[in-house]
Amino acid sequence: MEKHTIHEHHEKAAEHHEHAARHHKEAAKHAEAGHHEKAAHHSKIAHGHSLHAAEHHEHASKKHADEHSD
């Protein structure tokens, strides 16, 4: 059973996007410095946050649809 409200899903999605952005910036810094292993590490973390953001977006969208479908 889904426990988050629509608002919470939007908030969580935003948080994950912010985390992803920070890791992308770290990846860019490391790539520029030639530290490709560190860049790849941060890139993978960013990707994970992006996936979590997309999941929260999907849950929020479904809840919006459920509330407005009659």
PDB file of N, CA and C in Angstrom:
ATOM      1  N   MET A   1       0.850  -1.187   0.000  1.00  0.00           N
ATOM      2  CA  MET A   1       0.000   0.000   0.000  1.00  0.00           C
ATOM      3  C   MET A   1       0.893   1.248   0.000  1.00  0.00           C
ATOM      4  N   GLU A   2       0.499   2.206  -0.811  1.00  0.00           N
ATOM      5  CA  GLU A   2       1.285   3.438  -0.976  1.00  0.00           C
ATOM      6  C   GLU A   2       1.041   4.365   0.206  1.00  0.00           C
ATOM      7  N   LYS A   3       2.132   4.816   0.833  1.00  0.00           N
ATOM      8  CA  LYS A   3       1.981   5.633   2.034  1.00  0.00           C
ATOM      9  C   LYS A   3       2.239   7.115   1.817  1.00  0.00           C
ATOM     10  N   HIS A   4       2.884   7.501   0.716  1.00  0.00           N
ATOM     11  CA  HIS A   4       3.195   8.908   0.475  1.00  0.00           C
ATOM     12  C   HIS A   4       2.004   9.641  -0.146  1.00  0.00           C
ATOM     13  N   THR A   5       1.854  10.903   0.240  1.00  0.00           N
ATOM     14  CA  THR A   5       0.833  11.750  -0.386  1.00  0.00           C
ATOM     15  C   THR A   5       1.387  12.279  -1.712  1.00  0.00           C
ATOM     16  N   ILE A   6       0.539  12.901  -2.502  1.00  0.00           N
ATOM     17  CA  ILE A   6       0.980  13.504  -3.760  1.00  0.00           C
ATOM     18  C   ILE A   6       2.066  14.542  -3.466  1.00  0.00           C
ATOM     19  N   HIS A   7       1.817  15.370  -2.483  1.00  0.00           N
ATOM     20  CA  HIS A   7       2.785  16.413  -2.102  1.00  0.00           C
ATOM     21  C   HIS A   7       4.137  15.788  -1.757  1.00  0.00           C
ATOM     22  N   GLU A   8       4.115  14.737  -0.960  1.00  0.00           N
ATOM     23  CA  GLU A   8       5.360  14.085  -0.554  1.00  0.00           C
ATOM     24  C   GLU A   8       6.103  13.503  -1.760  1.00  0.00           C
ATOM     25  N   HIS A   9       5.363  12.943  -2.710  1.00  0.00           N
ATOM     26  CA  HIS A   9       6.020  12.410  -3.909  1.00  0.00           C
ATOM     27  C   HIS A   9       6.709  13.529  -4.690  1.00  0.00           C
ATOM     28  N   HIS A  10       6.035  14.667  -4.819  1.00  0.00           N
ATOM     29  CA  HIS A  10       6.650  15.794  -5.529  1.00  0.00           C
ATOM     30  C   HIS A  10       7.881  16.293  -4.775  1.00  0.00           C
ATOM     31  N   GLU A  11       7.788  16.378  -3.453  1.00  0.00           N
ATOM     32  CA  GLU A  11       8.924  16.818  -2.645  1.00  0.00           C
ATOM     33  C   GLU A  11      10.099  15.844  -2.770  1.00  0.00           C
ATOM     34  N   LYS A  12       9.808  14.549  -2.703  1.00  0.00           N
ATOM     35  CA  LYS A  12      10.867  13.536  -2.821  1.00  0.00           C
ATOM     36  C   LYS A  12      11.495  13.583  -4.208  1.00  0.00           C
ATOM     37  N   ALA A  13      10.684  13.756  -5.233  1.00  0.00           N
ATOM     38  CA  ALA A  13      11.228  13.859  -6.590  1.00  0.00           C
ATOM     39  C   ALA A  13      12.179  15.044  -6.688  1.00  0.00           C
ATOM     40  N   ALA A  14      11.776  16.171  -6.130  1.00  0.00           N
ATOM     41  CA  ALA A  14      12.625  17.368  -6.154  1.00  0.00           C
ATOM     42  C   ALA A  14      13.932  17.132  -5.409  1.00  0.00           C
ATOM     43  N   GLU A  15      13.853  16.486  -4.253  1.00  0.00           N
ATOM     44  CA  GLU A  15      15.069  16.188  -3.480  1.00  0.00           C
ATOM     45  C   GLU A  15      16.026  15.313  -4.289  1.00  0.00           C
ATOM     46  N   HIS A  16      15.485  14.290  -4.932  1.00  0.00           N
ATOM     47  CA  HIS A  16      16.338  13.394  -5.720  1.00  0.00           C
ATOM     48  C   HIS A  16      16.950  14.125  -6.919  1.00  0.00           C
ATOM     49  N   HIS A  17      16.180  15.021  -7.544  1.00  0.00           N
ATOM     50  CA  HIS A  17      16.741  15.811  -8.647  1.00  0.00           C
ATOM     51  C   HIS A  17      17.894  16.691  -8.147  1.00  0.00           C
ATOM     52  N   GLU A  18      17.725  17.277  -6.960  1.00  0.00           N
ATOM     53  CA  GLU A  18      18.781  18.114  -6.388  1.00  0.00           C
ATOM     54  C   GLU A  18      20.033  17.293  -6.083  1.00  0.00           C
ATOM     55  N   HIS A  19      19.840  16.101  -5.529  1.00  0.00           N
ATOM     56  CA  HIS A  19      20.983  15.217  -5.256  1.00  0.00           C
ATOM     57  C   HIS A  19      21.668  14.823  -6.559  1.00  0.00           C
ATOM     58  N   ALA A  20      20.868  14.507  -7.571  1.00  0.00           N
ATOM     59  CA  ALA A  20      21.434  14.124  -8.867  1.00  0.00           C
ATOM     60  C   ALA A  20      22.254  15.270  -9.447  1.00  0.00           C
ATOM     61  N   ALA A  21      21.739  16.480  -9.354  1.00  0.00           N
ATOM     62  CA  ALA A  21      22.452  17.643  -9.889  1.00  0.00           C
ATOM     63  C   ALA A  21      23.797  17.824  -9.188  1.00  0.00           C
ATOM     64  N   ARG A  22      23.807  17.666  -7.870  1.00  0.00           N
ATOM     65  CA  ARG A  22      25.070  17.800  -7.130  1.00  0.00           C
ATOM     66  C   ARG A  22      26.089  16.753  -7.577  1.00  0.00           C
ATOM     67  N   HIS A  23      25.634  15.524  -7.779  1.00  0.00           N
ATOM     68  CA  HIS A  23      26.559  14.469  -8.201  1.00  0.00           C
ATOM     69  C   HIS A  23      27.018  14.670  -9.646  1.00  0.00           C
ATOM     70  N   HIS A  24      26.145  15.189 -10.499  1.00  0.00           N
ATOM     71  CA  HIS A  24      26.570  15.500 -11.874  1.00  0.00           C
ATOM     72  C   HIS A  24      27.663  16.569 -11.854  1.00  0.00           C
ATOM     73  N   LYS A  25      27.497  17.564 -10.989  1.00  0.00           N
ATOM     74  CA  LYS A  25      28.514  18.621 -10.891  1.00  0.00           C
ATOM     75  C   LYS A  25      29.833  18.061 -10.387  1.00  0.00           C
ATOM     76  N   GLU A  26      29.760  17.156  -9.410  1.00  0.00           N
ATOM     77  CA  GLU A  26      30.977  16.508  -8.913  1.00  0.00           C
ATOM     78  C   GLU A  26      31.621  15.675 -10.026  1.00  0.00           C
ATOM     79  N   ALA A  27      30.808  14.963 -10.779  1.00  0.00           N
ATOM     80  CA  ALA A  27      31.327  14.159 -11.888  1.00  0.00           C
ATOM     81  C   ALA A  27      32.022  15.053 -12.910  1.00  0.00           C
ATOM     82  N   ALA A  28      31.440  16.200 -13.196  1.00  0.00           N
ATOM     83  CA  ALA A  28      32.040  17.128 -14.155  1.00  0.00           C
ATOM     84  C   ALA A  28      33.397  17.628 -13.661  1.00  0.00           C
ATOM     85  N   LYS A  29      33.479  17.967 -12.373  1.00  0.00           N
ATOM     86  CA  LYS A  29      34.750  18.431 -11.798  1.00  0.00           C
ATOM     87  C   LYS A  29      35.828  17.355 -11.914  1.00  0.00           C
ATOM     88  N   HIS A  30      35.459  16.133 -11.554  1.00  0.00           N
ATOM     89  CA  HIS A  30      36.432  15.036 -11.606  1.00  0.00           C
ATOM     90  C   HIS A  30      36.845  14.716 -13.043  1.00  0.00           C
ATOM     91  N   ALA A  31      35.893  14.778 -13.947  1.00  0.00           N
ATOM     92  CA  ALA A  31      36.218  14.510 -15.359  1.00  0.00           C
ATOM     93  C   ALA A  31      37.176  15.562 -15.891  1.00  0.00           C
ATOM     94  N   GLU A  32      36.927  16.816 -15.553  1.00  0.00           N
ATOM     95  CA  GLU A  32      37.786  17.914 -15.991  1.00  0.00           C
ATOM     96  C   GLU A  32      39.211  17.734 -15.458  1.00  0.00           C
ATOM     97  N   ALA A  33      39.318  17.198 -14.241  1.00  0.00           N
ATOM     98  CA  ALA A  33      40.624  16.992 -13.616  1.00  0.00           C
ATOM     99  C   ALA A  33      41.284  15.688 -14.076  1.00  0.00           C
ATOM    100  N   GLY A  34      40.569  14.917 -14.893  1.00  0.00           N
ATOM    101  CA  GLY A  34      41.128  13.661 -15.377  1.00  0.00           C
ATOM    102  C   GLY A  34      40.946  12.491 -14.429  1.00  0.00           C
ATOM    103  N   HIS A  35      40.126  12.667 -13.422  1.00  0.00           N
ATOM    104  CA  HIS A  35      39.847  11.589 -12.454  1.00  0.00           C
ATOM    105  C   HIS A  35      38.593  10.845 -12.898  1.00  0.00           C
ATOM    106  N   HIS A  36      38.761  10.007 -13.901  1.00  0.00           N
ATOM    107  CA  HIS A  36      37.609   9.395 -14.550  1.00  0.00           C
ATOM    108  C   HIS A  36      36.904   8.343 -13.699  1.00  0.00           C
ATOM    109  N   GLU A  37      37.632   7.662 -12.835  1.00  0.00           N
ATOM    110  CA  GLU A  37      36.964   6.706 -11.938  1.00  0.00           C
ATOM    111  C   GLU A  37      36.030   7.433 -10.978  1.00  0.00           C
ATOM    112  N   LYS A  38      36.510   8.531 -10.413  1.00  0.00           N
ATOM    113  CA  LYS A  38      35.674   9.320  -9.508  1.00  0.00           C
ATOM    114  C   LYS A  38      34.496   9.931 -10.261  1.00  0.00           C
ATOM    115  N   ALA A  39      34.744  10.383 -11.489  1.00  0.00           N
ATOM    116  CA  ALA A  39      33.667  10.949 -12.306  1.00  0.00           C
ATOM    117  C   ALA A  39      32.594   9.899 -12.572  1.00  0.00           C
ATOM    118  N   ALA A  40      33.022   8.692 -12.907  1.00  0.00           N
ATOM    119  CA  ALA A  40      32.064   7.615 -13.179  1.00  0.00           C
ATOM    120  C   ALA A  40      31.271   7.267 -11.925  1.00  0.00           C
ATOM    121  N   HIS A  41      31.935   7.261 -10.790  1.00  0.00           N
ATOM    122  CA  HIS A  41      31.271   6.972  -9.521  1.00  0.00           C
ATOM    123  C   HIS A  41      30.145   7.973  -9.263  1.00  0.00           C
ATOM    124  N   HIS A  42      30.453   9.247  -9.385  1.00  0.00           N
ATOM    125  CA  HIS A  42      29.432  10.281  -9.143  1.00  0.00           C
ATOM    126  C   HIS A  42      28.344  10.250 -10.207  1.00  0.00           C
ATOM    127  N   SER A  43      28.721   9.910 -11.414  1.00  0.00           N
ATOM    128  CA  SER A  43      27.728   9.804 -12.476  1.00  0.00           C
ATOM    129  C   SER A  43      26.720   8.693 -12.182  1.00  0.00           C
ATOM    130  N   LYS A  44      27.214   7.572 -11.688  1.00  0.00           N
ATOM    131  CA  LYS A  44      26.314   6.457 -11.347  1.00  0.00           C
ATOM    132  C   LYS A  44      25.400   6.820 -10.189  1.00  0.00           C
ATOM    133  N   ILE A  45      25.936   7.523  -9.206  1.00  0.00           N
ATOM    134  CA  ILE A  45      25.096   7.963  -8.085  1.00  0.00           C
ATOM    135  C   ILE A  45      24.020   8.922  -8.596  1.00  0.00           C
ATOM    136  N   ALA A  46      24.404   9.832  -9.471  1.00  0.00           N
ATOM    137  CA  ALA A  46      23.445  10.780 -10.049  1.00  0.00           C
ATOM    138  C   ALA A  46      22.341  10.039 -10.788  1.00  0.00           C
ATOM    139  N   HIS A  47      22.730   9.025 -11.534  1.00  0.00           N
ATOM    140  CA  HIS A  47      21.744   8.242 -12.285  1.00  0.00           C
ATOM    141  C   HIS A  47      20.744   7.573 -11.333  1.00  0.00           C
ATOM    142  N   GLY A  48      21.257   7.027 -10.224  1.00  0.00           N
ATOM    143  CA  GLY A  48      20.364   6.411  -9.242  1.00  0.00           C
ATOM    144  C   GLY A  48      19.362   7.397  -8.680  1.00  0.00           C
ATOM    145  N   HIS A  49      19.822   8.602  -8.367  1.00  0.00           N
ATOM    146  CA  HIS A  49      18.898   9.630  -7.868  1.00  0.00           C
ATOM    147  C   HIS A  49      17.878  10.010  -8.934  1.00  0.00           C
ATOM    148  N   SER A  50      18.301  10.062 -10.177  1.00  0.00           N
ATOM    149  CA  SER A  50      17.370  10.374 -11.259  1.00  0.00           C
ATOM    150  C   SER A  50      16.286   9.305 -11.379  1.00  0.00           C
ATOM    151  N   LEU A  51      16.676   8.045 -11.213  1.00  0.00           N
ATOM    152  CA  LEU A  51      15.690   6.956 -11.263  1.00  0.00           C
ATOM    153  C   LEU A  51      14.693   7.076 -10.117  1.00  0.00           C
ATOM    154  N   HIS A  52      15.181   7.395  -8.927  1.00  0.00           N
ATOM    155  CA  HIS A  52      14.280   7.568  -7.782  1.00  0.00           C
ATOM    156  C   HIS A  52      13.340   8.750  -8.007  1.00  0.00           C
ATOM    157  N   ALA A  53      13.847   9.822  -8.573  1.00  0.00           N
ATOM    158  CA  ALA A  53      12.997  10.983  -8.870  1.00  0.00           C
ATOM    159  C   ALA A  53      11.897  10.589  -9.851  1.00  0.00           C
ATOM    160  N   ALA A  54      12.256   9.819 -10.863  1.00  0.00           N
ATOM    161  CA  ALA A  54      11.268   9.383 -11.859  1.00  0.00           C
ATOM    162  C   ALA A  54      10.197   8.496 -11.219  1.00  0.00           C
ATOM    163  N   GLU A  55      10.600   7.645 -10.283  1.00  0.00           N
ATOM    164  CA  GLU A  55       9.626   6.798  -9.590  1.00  0.00           C
ATOM    165  C   GLU A  55       8.634   7.640  -8.795  1.00  0.00           C
ATOM    166  N   HIS A  56       9.142   8.638  -8.081  1.00  0.00           N
ATOM    167  CA  HIS A  56       8.242   9.504  -7.311  1.00  0.00           C
ATOM    168  C   HIS A  56       7.330  10.297  -8.242  1.00  0.00           C
ATOM    169  N   HIS A  57       7.860  10.734  -9.366  1.00  0.00           N
ATOM    170  CA  HIS A  57       7.037  11.443 -10.345  1.00  0.00           C
ATOM    171  C   HIS A  57       5.911  10.540 -10.832  1.00  0.00           C
ATOM    172  N   GLU A  58       6.246   9.304 -11.139  1.00  0.00           N
ATOM    173  CA  GLU A  58       5.238   8.355 -11.626  1.00  0.00           C
ATOM    174  C   GLU A  58       4.153   8.114 -10.576  1.00  0.00           C
ATOM    175  N   HIS A  59       4.559   7.943  -9.319  1.00  0.00           N
ATOM    176  CA  HIS A  59       3.574   7.735  -8.252  1.00  0.00           C
ATOM    177  C   HIS A  59       2.677   8.963  -8.089  1.00  0.00           C
ATOM    178  N   ALA A  60       3.267  10.151  -8.143  1.00  0.00           N
ATOM    179  CA  ALA A  60       2.462  11.374  -8.021  1.00  0.00           C
ATOM    180  C   ALA A  60       1.482  11.487  -9.183  1.00  0.00           C
ATOM    181  N   SER A  61       1.953  11.185 -10.382  1.00  0.00           N
ATOM    182  CA  SER A  61       1.081  11.265 -11.561  1.00  0.00           C
ATOM    183  C   SER A  61      -0.089  10.289 -11.454  1.00  0.00           C
ATOM    184  N   LYS A  62       0.199   9.082 -10.992  1.00  0.00           N
ATOM    185  CA  LYS A  62      -0.871   8.091 -10.825  1.00  0.00           C
ATOM    186  C   LYS A  62      -1.885   8.557  -9.786  1.00  0.00           C
ATOM    187  N   LYS A  63      -1.389   9.141  -8.697  1.00  0.00           N
ATOM    188  CA  LYS A  63      -2.311   9.626  -7.671  1.00  0.00           C
ATOM    189  C   LYS A  63      -3.163  10.778  -8.193  1.00  0.00           C
ATOM    190  N   HIS A  64      -2.559  11.663  -8.995  1.00  0.00           N
ATOM    191  CA  HIS A  64      -3.335  12.745  -9.608  1.00  0.00           C
ATOM    192  C   HIS A  64      -4.427  12.149 -10.487  1.00  0.00           C
ATOM    193  N   ALA A  65      -4.062  11.181 -11.302  1.00  0.00           N
ATOM    194  CA  ALA A  65      -5.038  10.555 -12.203  1.00  0.00           C
ATOM    195  C   ALA A  65      -6.145   9.872 -11.415  1.00  0.00           C
ATOM    196  N   ASP A  66      -5.783   9.163 -10.356  1.00  0.00           N
ATOM    197  CA  ASP A  66      -6.778   8.469  -9.532  1.00  0.00           C
ATOM    198  C   ASP A  66      -7.749   9.445  -8.896  1.00  0.00           C
ATOM    199  N   GLU A  67      -7.236  10.571  -8.458  1.00  0.00           N
ATOM    200  CA  GLU A  67      -8.106  11.553  -7.793  1.00  0.00           C
ATOM    201  C   GLU A  67      -9.034  12.280  -8.766  1.00  0.00           C
ATOM    202  N   HIS A  68      -8.655  12.325 -10.034  1.00  0.00           N
ATOM    203  CA  HIS A  68      -9.437  13.078 -11.016  1.00  0.00           C
ATOM    204  C   HIS A  68     -10.128  12.215 -12.040  1.00  0.00           C
ATOM    205  N   SER A  69     -10.199  10.908 -11.790  1.00  0.00           N
ATOM    206  CA  SER A  69     -10.865  10.030 -12.743  1.00  0.00           C
ATOM    207  C   SER A  69     -12.190   9.558 -12.175  1.00  0.00           C
ATOM    208  N   ASP A  70     -13.231  10.095 -12.697  1.00  0.00           N
ATOM    209  CA  ASP A  70     -14.592   9.673 -12.321  1.00  0.00           C
ATOM    210  C   ASP A  70     -15.526   9.789 -13.479  1.00  0.00           C
TER     211      ASP A  70
END
